[in-house]
Amino acid sequence: MSAAMGAKVLERFPAGAPRGSWPAEEYAARRRAEGEPAKVIMDIMSDAFLVVVPGRDED
């Protein structure tokens, strides 16, 4: 993931999960239930699903 996107990666999940298993989506749903705006994106270069949240300015 490019730093220019400004997103923070919370967790990575391999794309080869067993059929019917969506661990990245389940993790993101738990984070959203806790009030964090998590979403899942695919990182094709590493063949993984990333759970990300918008980056926060720390200035």
PDB file of N, CA and C in Angstrom:
ATOM      1  N   MET A   1       0.845  -1.175   0.000  1.00  0.00           N
ATOM      2  CA  MET A   1       0.000   0.000   0.000  1.00  0.00           C
ATOM      3  C   MET A   1       0.879   1.222   0.000  1.00  0.00           C
ATOM      4  N   SER A   2       0.506   2.177  -0.757  1.00  0.00           N
ATOM      5  CA  SER A   2       1.255   3.414  -0.869  1.00  0.00           C
ATOM      6  C   SER A   2       0.966   4.337   0.297  1.00  0.00           C
ATOM      7  N   ALA A   3       2.006   4.964   0.816  1.00  0.00           N
ATOM      8  CA  ALA A   3       1.821   5.928   1.894  1.00  0.00           C
ATOM      9  C   ALA A   3       1.014   7.121   1.420  1.00  0.00           C
ATOM     10  N   ALA A   4       1.026   7.373   0.116  1.00  0.00           N
ATOM     11  CA  ALA A   4       0.270   8.494  -0.437  1.00  0.00           C
ATOM     12  C   ALA A   4      -1.225   8.319  -0.243  1.00  0.00           C
ATOM     13  N   MET A   5      -1.672   7.097  -0.075  1.00  0.00           N
ATOM     14  CA  MET A   5      -3.092   6.861   0.148  1.00  0.00           C
ATOM     15  C   MET A   5      -3.523   7.393   1.514  1.00  0.00           C
ATOM     16  N   GLY A   6      -2.602   7.534   2.444  1.00  0.00           N
ATOM     17  CA  GLY A   6      -2.910   8.082   3.748  1.00  0.00           C
ATOM     18  C   GLY A   6      -3.714   7.164   4.637  1.00  0.00           C
ATOM     19  N   ALA A   7      -3.672   5.870   4.417  1.00  0.00           N
ATOM     20  CA  ALA A   7      -4.415   4.920   5.242  1.00  0.00           C
ATOM     21  C   ALA A   7      -3.463   4.155   6.147  1.00  0.00           C
ATOM     22  N   LYS A   8      -3.967   3.772   7.306  1.00  0.00           N
ATOM     23  CA  LYS A   8      -3.193   2.971   8.256  1.00  0.00           C
ATOM     24  C   LYS A   8      -3.670   1.525   8.155  1.00  0.00           C
ATOM     25  N   VAL A   9      -2.729   0.599   7.974  1.00  0.00           N
ATOM     26  CA  VAL A   9      -3.056  -0.822   7.893  1.00  0.00           C
ATOM     27  C   VAL A   9      -3.180  -1.373   9.306  1.00  0.00           C
ATOM     28  N   LEU A  10      -4.346  -1.930   9.626  1.00  0.00           N
ATOM     29  CA  LEU A  10      -4.561  -2.542  10.936  1.00  0.00           C
ATOM     30  C   LEU A  10      -4.146  -4.003  10.951  1.00  0.00           C
ATOM     31  N   GLU A  11      -4.424  -4.712   9.847  1.00  0.00           N
ATOM     32  CA  GLU A  11      -4.161  -6.151   9.803  1.00  0.00           C
ATOM     33  C   GLU A  11      -4.071  -6.601   8.361  1.00  0.00           C
ATOM     34  N   ARG A  12      -3.312  -7.685   8.125  1.00  0.00           N
ATOM     35  CA  ARG A  12      -3.175  -8.297   6.801  1.00  0.00           C
ATOM     36  C   ARG A  12      -3.679  -9.738   6.882  1.00  0.00           C
ATOM     37  N   PHE A  13      -4.350 -10.169   5.822  1.00  0.00           N
ATOM     38  CA  PHE A  13      -4.846 -11.537   5.742  1.00  0.00           C
ATOM     39  C   PHE A  13      -4.491 -12.104   4.380  1.00  0.00           C
ATOM     40  N   PRO A  14      -3.937 -13.319   4.316  1.00  0.00           N
ATOM     41  CA  PRO A  14      -3.609 -13.916   3.022  1.00  0.00           C
ATOM     42  C   PRO A  14      -4.869 -14.085   2.175  1.00  0.00           C
ATOM     43  N   ALA A  15      -4.720 -13.935   0.867  1.00  0.00           N
ATOM     44  CA  ALA A  15      -5.862 -14.038  -0.030  1.00  0.00           C
ATOM     45  C   ALA A  15      -6.361 -15.474  -0.169  1.00  0.00           C
ATOM     46  N   GLY A  16      -5.595 -16.444   0.241  1.00  0.00           N
ATOM     47  CA  GLY A  16      -5.961 -17.854   0.070  1.00  0.00           C
ATOM     48  C   GLY A  16      -6.742 -18.449   1.221  1.00  0.00           C
ATOM     49  N   ALA A  17      -7.684 -17.715   1.795  1.00  0.00           N
ATOM     50  CA  ALA A  17      -8.492 -18.255   2.896  1.00  0.00           C
ATOM     51  C   ALA A  17      -9.364 -19.403   2.379  1.00  0.00           C
ATOM     52  N   PRO A  18      -9.728 -20.327   3.270  1.00  0.00           N
ATOM     53  CA  PRO A  18     -10.596 -21.432   2.836  1.00  0.00           C
ATOM     54  C   PRO A  18     -11.923 -20.923   2.263  1.00  0.00           C
ATOM     55  N   ARG A  19     -12.485 -21.666   1.348  1.00  0.00           N
ATOM     56  CA  ARG A  19     -13.761 -21.281   0.724  1.00  0.00           C
ATOM     57  C   ARG A  19     -14.821 -21.040   1.796  1.00  0.00           C
ATOM     58  N   GLY A  20     -15.523 -19.924   1.668  1.00  0.00           N
ATOM     59  CA  GLY A  20     -16.574 -19.581   2.627  1.00  0.00           C
ATOM     60  C   GLY A  20     -16.053 -18.843   3.849  1.00  0.00           C
ATOM     61  N   SER A  21     -14.753 -18.625   3.934  1.00  0.00           N
ATOM     62  CA  SER A  21     -14.150 -17.924   5.057  1.00  0.00           C
ATOM     63  C   SER A  21     -13.741 -16.521   4.618  1.00  0.00           C
ATOM     64  N   TRP A  22     -14.114 -15.516   5.373  1.00  0.00           N
ATOM     65  CA  TRP A  22     -13.813 -14.127   5.050  1.00  0.00           C
ATOM     66  C   TRP A  22     -13.179 -13.449   6.259  1.00  0.00           C
ATOM     67  N   PRO A  23     -11.991 -13.869   6.685  1.00  0.00           N
ATOM     68  CA  PRO A  23     -11.410 -13.330   7.924  1.00  0.00           C
ATOM     69  C   PRO A  23     -11.169 -11.822   7.886  1.00  0.00           C
ATOM     70  N   ALA A  24     -10.782 -11.275   6.751  1.00  0.00           N
ATOM     71  CA  ALA A  24     -10.545  -9.827   6.684  1.00  0.00           C
ATOM     72  C   ALA A  24     -11.859  -9.070   6.868  1.00  0.00           C
ATOM     73  N   GLU A  25     -12.915  -9.515   6.208  1.00  0.00           N
ATOM     74  CA  GLU A  25     -14.221  -8.871   6.343  1.00  0.00           C
ATOM     75  C   GLU A  25     -14.748  -8.991   7.765  1.00  0.00           C
ATOM     76  N   GLU A  26     -14.549 -10.141   8.388  1.00  0.00           N
ATOM     77  CA  GLU A  26     -15.010 -10.344   9.765  1.00  0.00           C
ATOM     78  C   GLU A  26     -14.250  -9.433  10.723  1.00  0.00           C
ATOM     79  N   TYR A  27     -12.943  -9.306  10.530  1.00  0.00           N
ATOM     80  CA  TYR A  27     -12.132  -8.431  11.374  1.00  0.00           C
ATOM     81  C   TYR A  27     -12.564  -6.974  11.202  1.00  0.00           C
ATOM     82  N   ALA A  28     -12.764  -6.560   9.950  1.00  0.00           N
ATOM     83  CA  ALA A  28     -13.194  -5.187   9.682  1.00  0.00           C
ATOM     84  C   ALA A  28     -14.568  -4.916  10.304  1.00  0.00           C
ATOM     85  N   ALA A  29     -15.465  -5.873  10.233  1.00  0.00           N
ATOM     86  CA  ALA A  29     -16.801  -5.704  10.818  1.00  0.00           C
ATOM     87  C   ALA A  29     -16.706  -5.520  12.334  1.00  0.00           C
ATOM     88  N   ARG A  30     -15.821  -6.271  12.981  1.00  0.00           N
ATOM     89  CA  ARG A  30     -15.636  -6.100  14.435  1.00  0.00           C
ATOM     90  C   ARG A  30     -15.104  -4.707  14.750  1.00  0.00           C
ATOM     91  N   ARG A  31     -14.165  -4.238  13.945  1.00  0.00           N
ATOM     92  CA  ARG A  31     -13.609  -2.892  14.161  1.00  0.00           C
ATOM     93  C   ARG A  31     -14.676  -1.823  13.948  1.00  0.00           C
ATOM     94  N   ARG A  32     -15.507  -2.002  12.903  1.00  0.00           N
ATOM     95  CA  ARG A  32     -16.587  -1.036  12.658  1.00  0.00           C
ATOM     96  C   ARG A  32     -17.588  -1.043  13.812  1.00  0.00           C
ATOM     97  N   ALA A  33     -17.856  -2.205  14.381  1.00  0.00           N
ATOM     98  CA  ALA A  33     -18.771  -2.295  15.523  1.00  0.00           C
ATOM     99  C   ALA A  33     -18.222  -1.532  16.730  1.00  0.00           C
ATOM    100  N   GLU A  34     -16.906  -1.392  16.786  1.00  0.00           N
ATOM    101  CA  GLU A  34     -16.244  -0.633  17.856  1.00  0.00           C
ATOM    102  C   GLU A  34     -16.119   0.847  17.510  1.00  0.00           C
ATOM    103  N   GLY A  35     -16.665   1.256  16.363  1.00  0.00           N
ATOM    104  CA  GLY A  35     -16.659   2.660  15.981  1.00  0.00           C
ATOM    105  C   GLY A  35     -15.503   3.100  15.100  1.00  0.00           C
ATOM    106  N   GLU A  36     -14.693   2.162  14.640  1.00  0.00           N
ATOM    107  CA  GLU A  36     -13.565   2.501  13.768  1.00  0.00           C
ATOM    108  C   GLU A  36     -13.988   2.323  12.304  1.00  0.00           C
ATOM    109  N   PRO A  37     -13.701   3.281  11.426  1.00  0.00           N
ATOM    110  CA  PRO A  37     -14.149   3.200  10.035  1.00  0.00           C
ATOM    111  C   PRO A  37     -13.275   2.276   9.183  1.00  0.00           C
ATOM    112  N   ALA A  38     -13.203   1.007   9.566  1.00  0.00           N
ATOM    113  CA  ALA A  38     -12.335   0.047   8.877  1.00  0.00           C
ATOM    114  C   ALA A  38     -12.971  -0.439   7.583  1.00  0.00           C
ATOM    115  N   LYS A  39     -12.105  -0.657   6.580  1.00  0.00           N
ATOM    116  CA  LYS A  39     -12.560  -1.258   5.332  1.00  0.00           C
ATOM    117  C   LYS A  39     -11.483  -2.196   4.822  1.00  0.00           C
ATOM    118  N   VAL A  40     -11.879  -3.083   3.921  1.00  0.00           N
ATOM    119  CA  VAL A  40     -10.970  -4.086   3.361  1.00  0.00           C
ATOM    120  C   VAL A  40     -10.601  -3.683   1.941  1.00  0.00           C
ATOM    121  N   ILE A  41      -9.299  -3.756   1.660  1.00  0.00           N
ATOM    122  CA  ILE A  41      -8.816  -3.538   0.299  1.00  0.00           C
ATOM    123  C   ILE A  41      -7.908  -4.700  -0.081  1.00  0.00           C
ATOM    124  N   MET A  42      -7.752  -4.904  -1.362  1.00  0.00           N
ATOM    125  CA  MET A  42      -6.875  -5.975  -1.863  1.00  0.00           C
ATOM    126  C   MET A  42      -5.543  -5.372  -2.261  1.00  0.00           C
ATOM    127  N   ASP A  43      -4.465  -5.944  -1.735  1.00  0.00           N
ATOM    128  CA  ASP A  43      -3.117  -5.560  -2.146  1.00  0.00           C
ATOM    129  C   ASP A  43      -2.636  -6.644  -3.104  1.00  0.00           C
ATOM    130  N   ILE A  44      -2.738  -6.365  -4.385  1.00  0.00           N
ATOM    131  CA  ILE A  44      -2.409  -7.360  -5.400  1.00  0.00           C
ATOM    132  C   ILE A  44      -0.936  -7.731  -5.359  1.00  0.00           C
ATOM    133  N   MET A  45      -0.081  -6.766  -5.075  1.00  0.00           N
ATOM    134  CA  MET A  45       1.366  -7.035  -5.064  1.00  0.00           C
ATOM    135  C   MET A  45       1.743  -8.086  -4.017  1.00  0.00           C
ATOM    136  N   SER A  46       1.089  -8.083  -2.860  1.00  0.00           N
ATOM    137  CA  SER A  46       1.417  -9.057  -1.820  1.00  0.00           C
ATOM    138  C   SER A  46       0.385 -10.179  -1.740  1.00  0.00           C
ATOM    139  N   ASP A  47      -0.633 -10.155  -2.622  1.00  0.00           N
ATOM    140  CA  ASP A  47      -1.695 -11.159  -2.634  1.00  0.00           C
ATOM    141  C   ASP A  47      -2.321 -11.301  -1.253  1.00  0.00           C
ATOM    142  N   ALA A  48      -2.729 -10.157  -0.699  1.00  0.00           N
ATOM    143  CA  ALA A  48      -3.312 -10.149   0.639  1.00  0.00           C
ATOM    144  C   ALA A  48      -4.438  -9.125   0.713  1.00  0.00           C
ATOM    145  N   PHE A  49      -5.360  -9.389   1.634  1.00  0.00           N
ATOM    146  CA  PHE A  49      -6.397  -8.419   1.947  1.00  0.00           C
ATOM    147  C   PHE A  49      -5.912  -7.605   3.136  1.00  0.00           C
ATOM    148  N   LEU A  50      -6.047  -6.283   3.047  1.00  0.00           N
ATOM    149  CA  LEU A  50      -5.627  -5.394   4.111  1.00  0.00           C
ATOM    150  C   LEU A  50      -6.851  -4.742   4.735  1.00  0.00           C
ATOM    151  N   VAL A  51      -6.879  -4.699   6.061  1.00  0.00           N
ATOM    152  CA  VAL A  51      -7.918  -3.949   6.760  1.00  0.00           C
ATOM    153  C   VAL A  51      -7.291  -2.609   7.100  1.00  0.00           C
ATOM    154  N   VAL A  52      -7.894  -1.530   6.604  1.00  0.00           N
ATOM    155  CA  VAL A  52      -7.317  -0.203   6.756  1.00  0.00           C
ATOM    156  C   VAL A  52      -8.331   0.769   7.352  1.00  0.00           C
ATOM    157  N   VAL A  53      -7.793   1.836   7.942  1.00  0.00           N
ATOM    158  CA  VAL A  53      -8.594   2.958   8.402  1.00  0.00           C
ATOM    159  C   VAL A  53      -7.956   4.214   7.825  1.00  0.00           C
ATOM    160  N   PRO A  54      -8.732   5.282   7.656  1.00  0.00           N
ATOM    161  CA  PRO A  54      -8.145   6.523   7.145  1.00  0.00           C
ATOM    162  C   PRO A  54      -7.003   6.989   8.042  1.00  0.00           C
ATOM    163  N   GLY A  55      -5.952   7.520   7.431  1.00  0.00           N
ATOM    164  CA  GLY A  55      -4.818   8.033   8.185  1.00  0.00           C
ATOM    165  C   GLY A  55      -5.214   9.249   8.991  1.00  0.00           C
ATOM    166  N   ARG A  56      -4.533   9.440  10.092  1.00  0.00           N
ATOM    167  CA  ARG A  56      -4.797  10.585  10.946  1.00  0.00           C
ATOM    168  C   ARG A  56      -3.585  11.474  10.951  1.00  0.00           C
ATOM    169  N   ASP A  57      -3.786  12.770  10.842  1.00  0.00           N
ATOM    170  CA  ASP A  57      -2.674  13.711  10.945  1.00  0.00           C
ATOM    171  C   ASP A  57      -2.232  13.776  12.387  1.00  0.00           C
ATOM    172  N   GLU A  58      -0.946  13.640  12.617  1.00  0.00           N
ATOM    173  CA  GLU A  58      -0.414  13.663  13.973  1.00  0.00           C
ATOM    174  C   GLU A  58       0.345  14.938  14.254  1.00  0.00           C
ATOM    175  N   ASP A  59       0.036  16.007  13.501  1.00  0.00           N
ATOM    176  CA  ASP A  59       0.736  17.286  13.672  1.00  0.00           C
ATOM    177  C   ASP A  59       0.237  18.026  14.879  1.00  0.00           C
TER     178      ASP A  59
END
